[in-house]
């Protein structure tokens, strides 16, 4: 996957908002890895802010909907992992400022 495609995918993922925090999953640091095979299948490896997050399925649906907008993406698989565990240190400067985290 070239850099341009990676940026397109990350840009689409920035439209997926964590409903609890009101910030997108990219700036929250929830997206750990993305990969795309030659058939247009994208694998997103990510975590959630908390283990019992009831909004996980909704976030996954939103990811699939956003990536389906990209003509190159034929299918999306979202893998939710708990290692490494998410922490506020993974957030972008923008997210930290928006949430008042120092």
Protein backbone atom coordinates (compact mmCIF):
# COMPACT_ATOMS: atom_id res chain seq x y z
CA UNK A 1 0.00 0.00 0.00
CA UNK A 2 1.48 3.33 -1.01
CA UNK A 3 1.72 6.39 1.21
CA UNK A 4 -1.05 8.20 -0.66
CA UNK A 5 -3.51 5.33 -0.08
CA UNK A 6 -2.50 5.15 3.57
CA UNK A 7 -3.21 8.86 3.95
CA UNK A 8 -6.60 8.45 2.24
CA UNK A 9 -7.53 5.67 4.66
CA UNK A 10 -6.31 7.61 7.71
CA UNK A 11 -8.24 10.65 6.45
CA UNK A 12 -11.41 8.57 6.20
CA UNK A 13 -10.80 7.18 9.69
CA UNK A 14 -10.62 10.73 11.03
CA UNK A 15 -14.35 10.93 10.25
CA UNK A 16 -15.03 8.17 12.81
CA UNK A 17 -15.78 9.82 16.13
CA UNK A 18 -15.55 8.09 19.49
CA UNK A 19 -19.05 8.89 20.81
CA UNK A 20 -17.92 8.97 24.44
CA UNK A 21 -15.11 11.48 23.96
CA UNK A 22 -16.31 13.30 20.84
CA UNK A 23 -12.89 13.07 19.17
CA UNK A 24 -11.99 10.99 16.11
CA UNK A 25 -10.30 7.61 16.56
CA UNK A 26 -7.10 8.72 14.77
CA UNK A 27 -6.42 11.70 17.04
CA UNK A 28 -7.30 9.58 20.07
CA UNK A 29 -4.52 7.20 19.04
CA UNK A 30 -6.88 4.23 18.81
CA UNK A 31 -5.71 3.16 15.33
CA UNK A 32 -2.54 1.07 15.68
CA UNK A 33 -2.08 -0.19 12.13
CA UNK A 34 -3.70 -0.31 8.70
CA UNK A 35 -2.90 -2.64 5.85
CA UNK A 36 -4.40 -3.21 2.42
CA UNK A 37 -3.95 -6.19 0.13
CA UNK A 38 -4.01 -6.21 -3.68
CA UNK A 39 -7.70 -7.19 -3.69
CA UNK A 40 -8.64 -3.98 -1.88
CA UNK A 41 -9.24 -5.53 1.53
CA UNK A 42 -8.23 -3.22 4.35
CA UNK A 43 -7.26 -4.53 7.77
CA UNK A 44 -7.55 -1.98 10.57
CA UNK A 45 -5.91 -2.87 13.86
CA UNK A 46 -7.19 -0.70 16.66
CA UNK A 47 -8.20 -0.58 20.29
CA UNK A 48 -10.97 1.08 22.26
CA UNK A 49 -10.63 3.52 25.15
CA UNK A 50 -11.99 0.96 27.60
CA UNK A 51 -12.34 -2.82 27.69
CA UNK A 52 -16.08 -2.71 28.31
CA UNK A 53 -16.79 -0.02 25.71
CA UNK A 54 -20.40 -0.70 24.65
CA UNK A 55 -19.90 1.45 21.56
CA UNK A 56 -17.31 -0.83 19.96
CA UNK A 57 -19.69 -2.34 17.39
CA UNK A 58 -20.95 1.12 16.44
CA UNK A 59 -17.38 2.38 15.93
CA UNK A 60 -16.58 -0.69 13.79
CA UNK A 61 -19.69 -0.07 11.64
CA UNK A 62 -18.68 3.57 11.20
CA UNK A 63 -15.16 2.54 10.14
CA UNK A 64 -16.58 0.16 7.50
CA UNK A 65 -18.99 2.84 6.23
CA UNK A 66 -16.27 5.52 5.94
CA UNK A 67 -13.78 3.22 4.19
CA UNK A 68 -16.47 1.97 1.79
CA UNK A 69 -16.53 5.55 0.43
CA UNK A 70 -13.00 5.05 -0.96
CA UNK A 71 -13.24 3.45 -4.43
CA UNK A 72 -10.08 1.39 -3.88
CA UNK A 73 -11.47 -0.26 -0.74
CA UNK A 74 -13.50 -3.38 -1.50
CA UNK A 75 -13.72 -4.83 2.02
CA UNK A 76 -12.77 -3.86 5.55
CA UNK A 77 -11.81 -6.04 8.49
CA UNK A 78 -11.49 -4.38 11.90
CA UNK A 79 -9.37 -6.17 14.48
CA UNK A 80 -9.78 -4.88 18.01
CA UNK A 81 -6.78 -5.59 20.21
CA UNK A 82 -6.05 -4.80 23.85
CA UNK A 83 -2.29 -4.88 23.60
CA UNK A 84 -0.77 -2.39 23.96
CA UNK A 85 -3.49 -0.96 26.19
CA UNK A 86 -4.66 2.50 25.22
CA UNK A 87 -3.61 5.44 27.36
CA UNK A 88 -4.05 9.19 27.19
CA UNK A 89 -0.39 9.44 26.13
CA UNK A 90 -1.37 8.03 22.72
CA UNK A 91 -3.60 11.00 21.91
CA UNK A 92 -2.48 13.69 19.50
CA UNK A 93 -1.77 17.18 20.78
CA UNK A 94 -5.09 18.26 19.26
CA UNK A 95 -7.05 15.62 21.21
CA UNK A 96 -5.27 16.46 24.45
CA UNK A 97 -6.07 20.16 24.06
CA UNK A 98 -9.71 19.41 23.11
CA UNK A 99 -10.16 17.21 26.17
CA UNK A 100 -8.12 19.39 28.54
CA UNK A 101 -5.55 16.65 29.17
CA UNK A 102 -2.12 17.85 30.27
